[in-house]
Amino acid sequence: MHLSTSSRWPWPRQRLRRPPEAREADASLRILLEQTVARVFDVELDLMRLPTRGRARVAMARQVAMYLAHVACGLSLTEAGDLFERDRTTVAHACQVVEDRREDSEFDRALDLLENVTKVLTYPPMR
């Protein structure tokens, strides 16, 4: 039996359509993360949403937002990529860059605070 090494599937790949309420929750989470990180990094929100890398400061803020989506919110790399309209490998790279920067004690402390704030803001309400 010969296994094909082709990357083509025998059936068409389709993304599952998420219900509107899930898409609205995703949009809310993205806005929350971007606003929080933009304020801390003193970056314009519009610049974080550009499809290009932009300046180093903007790229770092975007990478921190993706890192928080993955680490603090528990999203998979694929889910975080979808949230920020990026590929999962971009999110993986962002997480690696952020982890490498954590050796700087000031950056590490700011990230600890951002993680805690994100967890508090995204915690489900008590009933």
N, C-alpha and C. Protein backbone atom coordinates (compact mmCIF):
# COMPACT_ATOMS: atom_id res chain seq x y z
N MET A 1 0.84 -1.18 0.00
CA MET A 1 0.00 0.00 0.00
C MET A 1 0.88 1.24 0.00
N HIS A 2 0.58 2.15 -0.86
CA HIS A 2 1.35 3.37 -1.00
C HIS A 2 0.59 4.53 -0.34
N LEU A 3 1.26 5.24 0.58
CA LEU A 3 0.66 6.41 1.19
C LEU A 3 1.12 7.65 0.45
N SER A 4 0.20 8.44 0.07
CA SER A 4 0.53 9.66 -0.66
C SER A 4 1.18 10.67 0.28
N THR A 5 2.20 11.32 -0.18
CA THR A 5 2.85 12.37 0.60
C THR A 5 2.30 13.74 0.23
N SER A 6 1.30 13.74 -0.61
CA SER A 6 0.68 14.99 -1.02
C SER A 6 -0.05 15.62 0.16
N SER A 7 -0.04 16.93 0.22
CA SER A 7 -0.73 17.62 1.29
C SER A 7 -2.21 17.79 1.00
N ARG A 8 -2.68 17.24 -0.08
CA ARG A 8 -4.08 17.37 -0.45
C ARG A 8 -4.90 16.30 0.25
N TRP A 9 -5.98 16.72 0.81
CA TRP A 9 -6.91 15.79 1.45
C TRP A 9 -7.83 15.22 0.39
N PRO A 10 -8.39 14.04 0.61
CA PRO A 10 -9.34 13.50 -0.36
C PRO A 10 -10.67 14.24 -0.32
N TRP A 11 -10.89 15.06 0.68
CA TRP A 11 -12.11 15.85 0.78
C TRP A 11 -11.71 17.31 1.00
N PRO A 12 -12.57 18.23 0.64
CA PRO A 12 -12.20 19.63 0.82
C PRO A 12 -12.19 20.01 2.30
N ARG A 13 -11.17 20.76 2.69
CA ARG A 13 -11.09 21.24 4.07
C ARG A 13 -12.00 22.44 4.21
N GLN A 14 -12.76 22.44 5.28
CA GLN A 14 -13.64 23.56 5.54
C GLN A 14 -13.52 23.94 7.00
N ARG A 15 -13.54 25.23 7.25
CA ARG A 15 -13.57 25.69 8.62
C ARG A 15 -14.98 25.57 9.14
N LEU A 16 -15.09 25.15 10.37
CA LEU A 16 -16.40 25.07 10.98
C LEU A 16 -16.91 26.48 11.22
N ARG A 17 -18.15 26.68 10.93
CA ARG A 17 -18.74 28.00 11.19
C ARG A 17 -19.17 28.07 12.64
N ARG A 18 -18.72 29.10 13.29
CA ARG A 18 -19.07 29.29 14.69
C ARG A 18 -20.36 30.07 14.77
N PRO A 19 -21.16 29.80 15.80
CA PRO A 19 -22.41 30.55 15.96
C PRO A 19 -22.12 32.04 16.21
N PRO A 20 -23.09 32.90 15.87
CA PRO A 20 -22.87 34.34 16.01
C PRO A 20 -22.45 34.77 17.42
N GLU A 21 -23.04 34.12 18.46
CA GLU A 21 -22.67 34.53 19.81
C GLU A 21 -21.21 34.23 20.12
N ALA A 22 -20.68 33.14 19.55
CA ALA A 22 -19.26 32.81 19.75
C ALA A 22 -18.38 33.81 19.03
N ARG A 23 -18.79 34.23 17.84
CA ARG A 23 -18.01 35.22 17.11
C ARG A 23 -18.02 36.57 17.83
N GLU A 24 -19.17 36.92 18.44
CA GLU A 24 -19.25 38.16 19.21
C GLU A 24 -18.36 38.10 20.44
N ALA A 25 -18.32 36.94 21.10
CA ALA A 25 -17.45 36.77 22.27
C ALA A 25 -15.99 36.89 21.85
N ASP A 26 -15.64 36.31 20.69
CA ASP A 26 -14.28 36.42 20.19
C ASP A 26 -13.91 37.88 19.93
N ALA A 27 -14.81 38.61 19.30
CA ALA A 27 -14.56 40.02 19.01
C ALA A 27 -14.38 40.81 20.30
N SER A 28 -15.19 40.50 21.30
CA SER A 28 -15.07 41.19 22.59
C SER A 28 -13.74 40.88 23.26
N LEU A 29 -13.31 39.62 23.19
CA LEU A 29 -12.04 39.25 23.79
C LEU A 29 -10.89 39.95 23.08
N ARG A 30 -10.93 39.99 21.77
CA ARG A 30 -9.86 40.66 21.02
C ARG A 30 -9.80 42.14 21.39
N ILE A 31 -10.94 42.78 21.45
CA ILE A 31 -10.99 44.20 21.80
C ILE A 31 -10.43 44.41 23.20
N LEU A 32 -10.84 43.57 24.14
CA LEU A 32 -10.36 43.68 25.51
C LEU A 32 -8.84 43.55 25.58
N LEU A 33 -8.31 42.53 24.93
CA LEU A 33 -6.85 42.31 24.94
C LEU A 33 -6.11 43.45 24.27
N GLU A 34 -6.59 43.87 23.11
CA GLU A 34 -5.91 44.95 22.38
C GLU A 34 -5.95 46.26 23.15
N GLN A 35 -7.09 46.60 23.75
CA GLN A 35 -7.19 47.85 24.49
C GLN A 35 -6.28 47.85 25.72
N THR A 36 -6.27 46.72 26.41
CA THR A 36 -5.43 46.62 27.61
C THR A 36 -3.96 46.74 27.26
N VAL A 37 -3.52 45.98 26.28
CA VAL A 37 -2.11 45.99 25.89
C VAL A 37 -1.72 47.32 25.26
N ALA A 38 -2.59 47.89 24.44
CA ALA A 38 -2.29 49.18 23.80
C ALA A 38 -2.07 50.26 24.85
N ARG A 39 -2.86 50.23 25.90
CA ARG A 39 -2.71 51.24 26.95
C ARG A 39 -1.39 51.06 27.70
N VAL A 40 -1.05 49.83 28.02
CA VAL A 40 0.19 49.56 28.76
C VAL A 40 1.42 49.90 27.92
N PHE A 41 1.38 49.56 26.62
CA PHE A 41 2.52 49.79 25.75
C PHE A 41 2.49 51.16 25.07
N ASP A 42 1.46 51.95 25.36
CA ASP A 42 1.30 53.28 24.78
C ASP A 42 1.39 53.23 23.25
N VAL A 43 0.53 52.37 22.69
CA VAL A 43 0.47 52.16 21.24
C VAL A 43 -0.95 52.46 20.79
N GLU A 44 -1.08 53.06 19.62
CA GLU A 44 -2.42 53.33 19.08
C GLU A 44 -3.10 52.02 18.71
N LEU A 45 -4.35 51.92 19.08
CA LEU A 45 -5.13 50.70 18.84
C LEU A 45 -5.21 50.37 17.35
N ASP A 46 -5.38 51.38 16.52
CA ASP A 46 -5.48 51.15 15.07
C ASP A 46 -4.21 50.51 14.51
N LEU A 47 -3.06 50.88 15.06
CA LEU A 47 -1.80 50.32 14.57
C LEU A 47 -1.67 48.84 14.91
N MET A 48 -2.26 48.43 16.03
CA MET A 48 -2.20 47.01 16.41
C MET A 48 -3.01 46.13 15.47
N ARG A 49 -4.00 46.71 14.82
CA ARG A 49 -4.89 45.94 13.96
C ARG A 49 -4.44 45.87 12.50
N LEU A 50 -3.35 46.54 12.19
CA LEU A 50 -2.86 46.50 10.82
C LEU A 50 -2.39 45.09 10.46
N PRO A 51 -2.57 44.69 9.21
CA PRO A 51 -2.14 43.34 8.82
C PRO A 51 -0.62 43.20 8.70
N THR A 52 0.09 44.33 8.65
CA THR A 52 1.55 44.28 8.54
C THR A 52 2.18 44.37 9.92
N ARG A 53 3.47 44.08 9.99
CA ARG A 53 4.19 44.05 11.25
C ARG A 53 4.22 45.41 11.93
N GLY A 54 4.55 46.44 11.17
CA GLY A 54 4.64 47.78 11.74
C GLY A 54 5.94 47.98 12.50
N ARG A 55 5.99 49.01 13.30
CA ARG A 55 7.17 49.31 14.09
C ARG A 55 7.35 48.26 15.20
N ALA A 56 8.57 48.16 15.69
CA ALA A 56 8.91 47.14 16.70
C ALA A 56 8.02 47.25 17.93
N ARG A 57 7.75 48.46 18.36
CA ARG A 57 6.91 48.67 19.55
C ARG A 57 5.49 48.16 19.34
N VAL A 58 4.95 48.40 18.15
CA VAL A 58 3.60 47.92 17.82
C VAL A 58 3.60 46.41 17.69
N ALA A 59 4.61 45.87 17.04
CA ALA A 59 4.71 44.41 16.88
C ALA A 59 4.79 43.72 18.24
N MET A 60 5.57 44.29 19.16
CA MET A 60 5.69 43.70 20.50
C MET A 60 4.35 43.74 21.23
N ALA A 61 3.64 44.84 21.12
CA ALA A 61 2.32 44.94 21.77
C ALA A 61 1.38 43.88 21.20
N ARG A 62 1.38 43.72 19.89
CA ARG A 62 0.53 42.70 19.26
C ARG A 62 0.93 41.30 19.71
N GLN A 63 2.24 41.06 19.81
CA GLN A 63 2.72 39.76 20.26
C GLN A 63 2.31 39.48 21.70
N VAL A 64 2.34 40.49 22.54
CA VAL A 64 1.90 40.33 23.93
C VAL A 64 0.41 40.01 23.97
N ALA A 65 -0.38 40.67 23.16
CA ALA A 65 -1.82 40.38 23.12
C ALA A 65 -2.07 38.93 22.69
N MET A 66 -1.34 38.45 21.70
CA MET A 66 -1.49 37.06 21.27
C MET A 66 -1.04 36.10 22.37
N TYR A 67 0.05 36.45 23.04
CA TYR A 67 0.56 35.64 24.15
C TYR A 67 -0.50 35.55 25.26
N LEU A 68 -1.11 36.66 25.59
CA LEU A 68 -2.14 36.67 26.64
C LEU A 68 -3.35 35.83 26.23
N ALA A 69 -3.71 35.89 24.96
CA ALA A 69 -4.84 35.07 24.49
C ALA A 69 -4.53 33.60 24.68
N HIS A 70 -3.29 33.22 24.41
CA HIS A 70 -2.90 31.82 24.54
C HIS A 70 -2.69 31.41 26.00
N VAL A 71 -1.92 32.18 26.74
CA VAL A 71 -1.53 31.80 28.09
C VAL A 71 -2.60 32.15 29.13
N ALA A 72 -3.02 33.39 29.16
CA ALA A 72 -3.96 33.83 30.20
C ALA A 72 -5.40 33.39 29.93
N CYS A 73 -5.77 33.34 28.66
CA CYS A 73 -7.15 32.97 28.31
C CYS A 73 -7.29 31.49 27.96
N GLY A 74 -6.18 30.82 27.78
CA GLY A 74 -6.23 29.39 27.53
C GLY A 74 -6.63 28.99 26.12
N LEU A 75 -6.53 29.91 25.17
CA LEU A 75 -6.85 29.57 23.79
C LEU A 75 -5.72 28.75 23.18
N SER A 76 -6.06 27.86 22.28
CA SER A 76 -5.02 27.13 21.56
C SER A 76 -4.31 28.12 20.63
N LEU A 77 -3.18 27.71 20.11
CA LEU A 77 -2.47 28.58 19.16
C LEU A 77 -3.33 28.88 17.94
N THR A 78 -4.06 27.88 17.48
CA THR A 78 -4.95 28.07 16.32
C THR A 78 -6.07 29.05 16.66
N GLU A 79 -6.68 28.89 17.84
CA GLU A 79 -7.76 29.80 18.23
C GLU A 79 -7.26 31.23 18.40
N ALA A 80 -6.09 31.36 19.00
CA ALA A 80 -5.51 32.71 19.16
C ALA A 80 -5.18 33.31 17.80
N GLY A 81 -4.67 32.49 16.89
CA GLY A 81 -4.40 32.96 15.53
C GLY A 81 -5.66 33.43 14.84
N ASP A 82 -6.72 32.65 14.95
CA ASP A 82 -8.00 33.05 14.36
C ASP A 82 -8.50 34.35 14.97
N LEU A 83 -8.33 34.48 16.27
CA LEU A 83 -8.79 35.68 16.98
C LEU A 83 -8.12 36.94 16.44
N PHE A 84 -6.82 36.84 16.16
CA PHE A 84 -6.06 38.00 15.68
C PHE A 84 -5.83 37.99 14.17
N GLU A 85 -6.52 37.10 13.47
CA GLU A 85 -6.41 36.99 12.02
C GLU A 85 -4.97 36.75 11.59
N ARG A 86 -4.33 35.83 12.31
CA ARG A 86 -2.96 35.43 12.03
C ARG A 86 -2.90 33.90 12.00
N ASP A 87 -1.80 33.37 11.53
CA ASP A 87 -1.58 31.93 11.50
C ASP A 87 -1.13 31.45 12.88
N ARG A 88 -1.37 30.18 13.18
CA ARG A 88 -0.97 29.64 14.49
C ARG A 88 0.54 29.71 14.68
N THR A 89 1.30 29.61 13.59
CA THR A 89 2.76 29.69 13.73
C THR A 89 3.20 31.10 14.11
N THR A 90 2.44 32.09 13.70
CA THR A 90 2.71 33.47 14.09
C THR A 90 2.49 33.63 15.59
N VAL A 91 1.44 33.01 16.10
CA VAL A 91 1.16 33.07 17.54
C VAL A 91 2.26 32.33 18.31
N ALA A 92 2.68 31.18 17.80
CA ALA A 92 3.76 30.43 18.45
C ALA A 92 5.03 31.27 18.51
N HIS A 93 5.34 31.96 17.42
CA HIS A 93 6.51 32.84 17.39
C HIS A 93 6.34 33.97 18.39
N ALA A 94 5.16 34.57 18.44
CA ALA A 94 4.89 35.66 19.39
C ALA A 94 5.10 35.18 20.82
N CYS A 95 4.62 33.99 21.14
CA CYS A 95 4.79 33.45 22.49
C CYS A 95 6.26 33.24 22.82
N GLN A 96 7.03 32.79 21.85
CA GLN A 96 8.46 32.57 22.07
C GLN A 96 9.18 33.90 22.29
N VAL A 97 8.83 34.90 21.49
CA VAL A 97 9.46 36.22 21.63
C VAL A 97 9.15 36.80 23.01
N VAL A 98 7.89 36.69 23.44
CA VAL A 98 7.49 37.23 24.74
C VAL A 98 8.20 36.48 25.86
N GLU A 99 8.24 35.16 25.78
CA GLU A 99 8.94 34.37 26.80
C GLU A 99 10.41 34.76 26.88
N ASP A 100 11.04 34.99 25.74
CA ASP A 100 12.45 35.40 25.73
C ASP A 100 12.64 36.76 26.41
N ARG A 101 11.69 37.67 26.21
CA ARG A 101 11.78 39.01 26.81
C ARG A 101 11.53 38.99 28.31
N ARG A 102 10.97 37.91 28.83
CA ARG A 102 10.66 37.83 30.26
C ARG A 102 11.91 37.81 31.12
N GLU A 103 13.08 37.66 30.51
CA GLU A 103 14.34 37.73 31.27
C GLU A 103 14.58 39.14 31.80
N ASP A 104 13.99 40.13 31.14
CA ASP A 104 14.04 41.51 31.61
C ASP A 104 13.03 41.63 32.76
N SER A 105 13.51 41.95 33.97
CA SER A 105 12.65 41.94 35.16
C SER A 105 11.50 42.93 35.06
N GLU A 106 11.73 44.10 34.47
CA GLU A 106 10.65 45.09 34.34
C GLU A 106 9.56 44.58 33.39
N PHE A 107 9.98 44.01 32.27
CA PHE A 107 9.03 43.45 31.31
C PHE A 107 8.27 42.28 31.95
N ASP A 108 8.99 41.45 32.69
CA ASP A 108 8.37 40.30 33.34
C ASP A 108 7.30 40.74 34.34
N ARG A 109 7.61 41.75 35.11
CA ARG A 109 6.64 42.27 36.10
C ARG A 109 5.41 42.83 35.38
N ALA A 110 5.62 43.59 34.33
CA ALA A 110 4.48 44.14 33.57
C ALA A 110 3.63 43.02 32.99
N LEU A 111 4.28 41.98 32.49
CA LEU A 111 3.54 40.86 31.92
C LEU A 111 2.77 40.08 32.99
N ASP A 112 3.37 39.92 34.17
CA ASP A 112 2.66 39.28 35.28
C ASP A 112 1.38 40.05 35.60
N LEU A 113 1.49 41.36 35.66
CA LEU A 113 0.32 42.19 35.94
C LEU A 113 -0.72 42.08 34.83
N LEU A 114 -0.26 42.11 33.58
CA LEU A 114 -1.18 41.97 32.45
C LEU A 114 -1.89 40.61 32.49
N GLU A 115 -1.17 39.55 32.80
CA GLU A 115 -1.78 38.23 32.89
C GLU A 115 -2.87 38.21 33.97
N ASN A 116 -2.56 38.78 35.13
CA ASN A 116 -3.54 38.80 36.21
C ASN A 116 -4.77 39.63 35.86
N VAL A 117 -4.54 40.79 35.27
CA VAL A 117 -5.66 41.64 34.86
C VAL A 117 -6.52 40.92 33.82
N THR A 118 -5.87 40.28 32.87
CA THR A 118 -6.60 39.56 31.82
C THR A 118 -7.44 38.44 32.42
N LYS A 119 -6.88 37.70 33.35
CA LYS A 119 -7.63 36.61 33.99
C LYS A 119 -8.84 37.14 34.75
N VAL A 120 -8.65 38.26 35.43
CA VAL A 120 -9.76 38.85 36.18
C VAL A 120 -10.85 39.35 35.22
N LEU A 121 -10.44 40.04 34.16
CA LEU A 121 -11.41 40.61 33.22
C LEU A 121 -12.15 39.56 32.40
N THR A 122 -11.54 38.40 32.20
CA THR A 122 -12.18 37.37 31.39
C THR A 122 -12.81 36.26 32.23
N TYR A 123 -12.73 36.39 33.56
CA TYR A 123 -13.31 35.38 34.44
C TYR A 123 -14.82 35.42 34.31
N PRO A 124 -15.46 34.23 34.21
CA PRO A 124 -16.92 34.24 34.06
C PRO A 124 -17.60 34.84 35.29
N PRO A 125 -18.67 35.58 35.09
CA PRO A 125 -19.36 36.22 36.22
C PRO A 125 -19.97 35.18 37.16
N MET A 126 -20.00 35.51 38.43
CA MET A 126 -20.61 34.62 39.41
C MET A 126 -22.12 34.81 39.38
N ARG A 127 -22.83 33.74 39.62
CA ARG A 127 -24.31 33.83 39.62
C ARG A 127 -24.85 33.68 41.00
